[in-house]
């Protein structure tokens, strides 16, 4: 991975959106709800006030508007603060 989060930030790969059809109608990507779970790919070193409790490989739940979307090597990721993560699965 060519990106390393700083301080209390984590890099999360969102889970794929589920394919749904309604009566033979395929829902386009723009109308699908964003997944609210993903896998932690990389973590920062933490800060003096906040110890990193997440580690690479953790499955997490996060808020609907958490993080900033980035694209690396044609894959989408979210980079967010550890405090934006709601829970581990």
N, C-alpha and C. Protein backbone atom coordinates (compact mmCIF):
# COMPACT_ATOMS: atom_id res chain seq x y z
N UNK A 1 0.86 -1.18 0.00
CA UNK A 1 0.00 0.00 0.00
C UNK A 1 0.90 1.23 0.00
N UNK A 2 0.60 2.17 -0.87
CA UNK A 2 1.44 3.36 -1.01
C UNK A 2 0.97 4.54 -0.16
N UNK A 3 0.01 4.31 0.71
CA UNK A 3 -0.49 5.41 1.55
C UNK A 3 -0.45 4.98 3.01
N UNK A 4 0.02 5.88 3.86
CA UNK A 4 0.12 5.61 5.29
C UNK A 4 -0.59 6.74 6.02
N UNK A 5 -1.73 6.45 6.69
CA UNK A 5 -2.44 7.50 7.43
C UNK A 5 -1.57 8.08 8.55
N UNK A 6 -1.80 9.34 8.86
CA UNK A 6 -1.06 10.00 9.93
C UNK A 6 -1.92 10.15 11.17
N UNK A 7 -1.28 10.30 12.30
CA UNK A 7 -1.91 10.55 13.59
C UNK A 7 -3.03 9.56 13.88
N UNK A 8 -4.25 10.05 14.12
CA UNK A 8 -5.35 9.16 14.51
C UNK A 8 -6.26 8.79 13.34
N UNK A 9 -5.71 8.79 12.13
CA UNK A 9 -6.49 8.47 10.94
C UNK A 9 -6.37 6.99 10.58
N UNK A 10 -7.43 6.47 9.93
CA UNK A 10 -7.43 5.08 9.45
C UNK A 10 -7.88 5.07 7.99
N UNK A 11 -7.38 4.12 7.23
CA UNK A 11 -7.75 3.92 5.84
C UNK A 11 -8.66 2.71 5.79
N UNK A 12 -9.89 2.89 5.27
CA UNK A 12 -10.90 1.83 5.27
C UNK A 12 -11.32 1.53 3.84
N UNK A 13 -11.39 0.24 3.51
CA UNK A 13 -11.93 -0.18 2.23
C UNK A 13 -13.40 -0.55 2.45
N UNK A 14 -14.34 0.24 1.89
CA UNK A 14 -15.76 -0.04 2.10
C UNK A 14 -16.15 -1.40 1.52
N UNK A 15 -17.11 -2.06 2.18
CA UNK A 15 -17.64 -3.31 1.66
C UNK A 15 -18.41 -3.00 0.39
N UNK A 16 -18.47 -3.95 -0.51
CA UNK A 16 -19.18 -3.76 -1.78
C UNK A 16 -20.67 -3.60 -1.53
N UNK A 17 -21.31 -2.71 -2.28
CA UNK A 17 -22.76 -2.51 -2.17
C UNK A 17 -23.45 -3.76 -2.71
N UNK A 18 -24.51 -4.15 -2.03
CA UNK A 18 -25.23 -5.34 -2.44
C UNK A 18 -26.02 -5.07 -3.72
N UNK A 19 -25.99 -6.04 -4.64
CA UNK A 19 -26.78 -5.94 -5.87
C UNK A 19 -28.22 -6.27 -5.55
N UNK A 20 -29.13 -5.38 -5.90
CA UNK A 20 -30.55 -5.61 -5.65
C UNK A 20 -31.33 -5.35 -6.92
N UNK A 21 -32.31 -6.19 -7.16
CA UNK A 21 -33.23 -5.94 -8.26
C UNK A 21 -34.63 -5.94 -7.69
N UNK A 22 -35.45 -5.09 -8.23
CA UNK A 22 -36.84 -4.99 -7.79
C UNK A 22 -37.71 -5.30 -9.00
N UNK A 23 -38.29 -6.48 -9.00
CA UNK A 23 -39.17 -6.86 -10.11
C UNK A 23 -38.49 -6.80 -11.46
N UNK A 24 -37.22 -7.16 -11.52
CA UNK A 24 -36.49 -7.16 -12.78
C UNK A 24 -35.81 -5.83 -13.10
N UNK A 25 -36.00 -4.82 -12.25
CA UNK A 25 -35.35 -3.52 -12.47
C UNK A 25 -34.05 -3.50 -11.68
N UNK A 26 -32.97 -3.20 -12.35
CA UNK A 26 -31.66 -3.13 -11.69
C UNK A 26 -31.45 -1.71 -11.18
N UNK A 27 -31.08 -1.59 -9.92
CA UNK A 27 -30.86 -0.28 -9.29
C UNK A 27 -29.48 0.22 -9.72
N UNK A 28 -29.38 1.43 -10.31
CA UNK A 28 -28.07 1.95 -10.72
C UNK A 28 -27.19 2.28 -9.51
N UNK A 29 -25.87 2.32 -9.74
CA UNK A 29 -24.92 2.59 -8.66
C UNK A 29 -25.21 3.90 -7.95
N UNK A 30 -25.64 4.91 -8.68
CA UNK A 30 -25.87 6.22 -8.07
C UNK A 30 -27.04 6.21 -7.09
N UNK A 31 -27.95 5.25 -7.22
CA UNK A 31 -29.12 5.18 -6.34
C UNK A 31 -28.94 4.21 -5.19
N UNK A 32 -27.85 3.46 -5.20
CA UNK A 32 -27.61 2.50 -4.12
C UNK A 32 -27.15 3.22 -2.87
N UNK A 33 -27.52 2.66 -1.72
CA UNK A 33 -27.03 3.22 -0.47
C UNK A 33 -25.58 2.82 -0.28
N UNK A 34 -24.80 3.73 0.25
CA UNK A 34 -23.41 3.43 0.53
C UNK A 34 -23.33 2.41 1.65
N UNK A 35 -22.39 1.48 1.56
CA UNK A 35 -22.22 0.55 2.69
C UNK A 35 -21.68 1.31 3.89
N UNK A 36 -22.07 0.87 5.07
CA UNK A 36 -21.62 1.53 6.28
C UNK A 36 -20.65 0.66 7.06
N UNK A 37 -20.07 -0.31 6.35
CA UNK A 37 -19.05 -1.15 6.99
C UNK A 37 -17.92 -1.35 6.02
N UNK A 38 -16.78 -1.74 6.56
CA UNK A 38 -15.61 -1.95 5.73
C UNK A 38 -14.49 -2.57 6.52
N UNK A 39 -13.34 -2.69 5.86
CA UNK A 39 -12.16 -3.30 6.48
C UNK A 39 -11.06 -2.27 6.59
N UNK A 40 -10.44 -2.20 7.76
CA UNK A 40 -9.32 -1.29 7.98
C UNK A 40 -8.12 -1.83 7.22
N UNK A 41 -7.54 -0.98 6.36
CA UNK A 41 -6.39 -1.38 5.55
C UNK A 41 -5.09 -0.91 6.18
N UNK A 42 -5.10 0.32 6.73
CA UNK A 42 -3.89 0.88 7.35
C UNK A 42 -4.32 1.85 8.46
N UNK A 43 -3.46 2.00 9.45
CA UNK A 43 -3.73 2.92 10.56
C UNK A 43 -2.54 3.82 10.80
N UNK A 44 -2.81 5.01 11.36
CA UNK A 44 -1.74 5.92 11.75
C UNK A 44 -1.15 5.52 13.08
N UNK A 45 -0.22 6.31 13.56
CA UNK A 45 0.47 6.01 14.81
C UNK A 45 -0.24 6.48 16.06
N UNK A 46 -1.33 7.20 15.91
CA UNK A 46 -2.04 7.74 17.07
C UNK A 46 -1.47 9.08 17.47
N UNK A 47 -2.04 9.66 18.52
CA UNK A 47 -1.54 10.93 19.05
C UNK A 47 -1.24 10.73 20.53
N UNK A 48 -0.66 11.74 21.16
CA UNK A 48 -0.34 11.59 22.58
C UNK A 48 -1.61 11.49 23.43
N UNK A 49 -2.73 12.03 22.90
CA UNK A 49 -3.99 11.99 23.64
C UNK A 49 -4.88 10.81 23.25
N UNK A 50 -4.63 10.21 22.09
CA UNK A 50 -5.49 9.12 21.62
C UNK A 50 -4.64 7.95 21.12
N UNK A 51 -4.75 6.83 21.82
CA UNK A 51 -4.04 5.61 21.44
C UNK A 51 -4.84 4.89 20.37
N UNK A 52 -4.17 4.35 19.37
CA UNK A 52 -4.86 3.64 18.29
C UNK A 52 -5.31 2.27 18.80
N UNK A 53 -6.62 2.03 18.75
CA UNK A 53 -7.15 0.74 19.17
C UNK A 53 -7.50 -0.12 17.96
N UNK A 54 -7.58 0.50 16.78
CA UNK A 54 -7.85 -0.25 15.56
C UNK A 54 -6.55 -0.75 14.96
N UNK A 55 -6.66 -1.83 14.20
CA UNK A 55 -5.49 -2.36 13.51
C UNK A 55 -5.92 -2.84 12.13
N UNK A 56 -4.97 -2.99 11.24
CA UNK A 56 -5.27 -3.46 9.89
C UNK A 56 -5.96 -4.82 9.97
N UNK A 57 -6.99 -4.99 9.15
CA UNK A 57 -7.75 -6.24 9.13
C UNK A 57 -9.04 -6.19 9.93
N UNK A 58 -9.21 -5.19 10.80
CA UNK A 58 -10.45 -5.06 11.58
C UNK A 58 -11.63 -4.75 10.67
N UNK A 59 -12.76 -5.39 10.93
CA UNK A 59 -14.01 -5.07 10.24
C UNK A 59 -14.72 -4.03 11.10
N UNK A 60 -15.11 -2.90 10.49
CA UNK A 60 -15.66 -1.80 11.27
C UNK A 60 -16.98 -1.28 10.68
N UNK A 61 -17.75 -0.62 11.54
CA UNK A 61 -18.94 0.12 11.15
C UNK A 61 -18.61 1.60 11.32
N UNK A 62 -19.06 2.44 10.39
CA UNK A 62 -18.78 3.86 10.48
C UNK A 62 -20.02 4.65 10.09
N UNK A 63 -20.03 5.93 10.41
CA UNK A 63 -21.17 6.80 10.13
C UNK A 63 -21.37 7.04 8.64
N UNK A 64 -22.59 7.40 8.28
CA UNK A 64 -22.96 7.58 6.88
C UNK A 64 -22.11 8.62 6.17
N UNK A 65 -21.77 9.70 6.85
CA UNK A 65 -21.01 10.78 6.22
C UNK A 65 -19.57 10.84 6.71
N UNK A 66 -19.07 9.76 7.28
CA UNK A 66 -17.72 9.74 7.84
C UNK A 66 -16.67 9.66 6.73
N UNK A 67 -15.55 10.31 6.96
CA UNK A 67 -14.40 10.15 6.11
C UNK A 67 -14.43 10.91 4.79
N UNK A 68 -13.30 10.80 4.11
CA UNK A 68 -13.10 11.41 2.80
C UNK A 68 -12.80 10.30 1.81
N UNK A 69 -13.52 10.29 0.69
CA UNK A 69 -13.30 9.26 -0.32
C UNK A 69 -12.04 9.57 -1.11
N UNK A 70 -11.22 8.54 -1.32
CA UNK A 70 -10.04 8.66 -2.18
C UNK A 70 -10.00 7.44 -3.08
N UNK A 71 -9.30 7.55 -4.19
CA UNK A 71 -9.17 6.42 -5.11
C UNK A 71 -7.69 6.12 -5.33
N UNK A 72 -7.31 4.88 -5.08
CA UNK A 72 -5.94 4.42 -5.27
C UNK A 72 -5.97 3.16 -6.11
N UNK A 73 -5.20 3.16 -7.17
CA UNK A 73 -5.09 1.97 -8.03
C UNK A 73 -6.47 1.46 -8.43
N UNK A 74 -7.35 2.37 -8.84
CA UNK A 74 -8.72 2.05 -9.30
C UNK A 74 -9.59 1.40 -8.23
N UNK A 75 -9.27 1.58 -6.97
CA UNK A 75 -10.10 1.10 -5.87
C UNK A 75 -10.46 2.30 -5.00
N UNK A 76 -11.69 2.28 -4.46
CA UNK A 76 -12.13 3.38 -3.60
C UNK A 76 -11.88 3.04 -2.14
N UNK A 77 -11.41 4.05 -1.40
CA UNK A 77 -11.13 3.92 0.02
C UNK A 77 -11.70 5.13 0.72
N UNK A 78 -11.82 5.02 2.04
CA UNK A 78 -12.19 6.15 2.89
C UNK A 78 -11.06 6.37 3.87
N UNK A 79 -10.72 7.63 4.09
CA UNK A 79 -9.76 7.94 5.14
C UNK A 79 -10.52 8.78 6.17
N UNK A 80 -10.46 8.34 7.42
CA UNK A 80 -11.25 8.99 8.48
C UNK A 80 -10.51 8.93 9.80
N UNK A 81 -10.98 9.72 10.73
CA UNK A 81 -10.42 9.68 12.08
C UNK A 81 -10.92 8.41 12.79
N UNK A 82 -10.11 7.91 13.69
CA UNK A 82 -10.50 6.74 14.46
C UNK A 82 -11.82 6.99 15.20
N UNK A 83 -12.04 8.21 15.63
CA UNK A 83 -13.26 8.54 16.37
C UNK A 83 -14.51 8.50 15.49
N UNK A 84 -14.37 8.49 14.16
CA UNK A 84 -15.51 8.37 13.26
C UNK A 84 -15.98 6.92 13.14
N UNK A 85 -15.17 5.98 13.59
CA UNK A 85 -15.54 4.57 13.57
C UNK A 85 -16.46 4.31 14.76
N UNK A 86 -17.61 3.70 14.49
CA UNK A 86 -18.61 3.48 15.53
C UNK A 86 -18.37 2.19 16.30
N UNK A 87 -17.95 1.12 15.60
CA UNK A 87 -17.78 -0.18 16.26
C UNK A 87 -16.95 -1.11 15.39
N UNK A 88 -16.43 -2.14 16.02
CA UNK A 88 -15.78 -3.22 15.27
C UNK A 88 -16.74 -4.41 15.22
N UNK A 89 -16.62 -5.21 14.19
CA UNK A 89 -17.49 -6.38 14.02
C UNK A 89 -16.69 -7.62 14.34
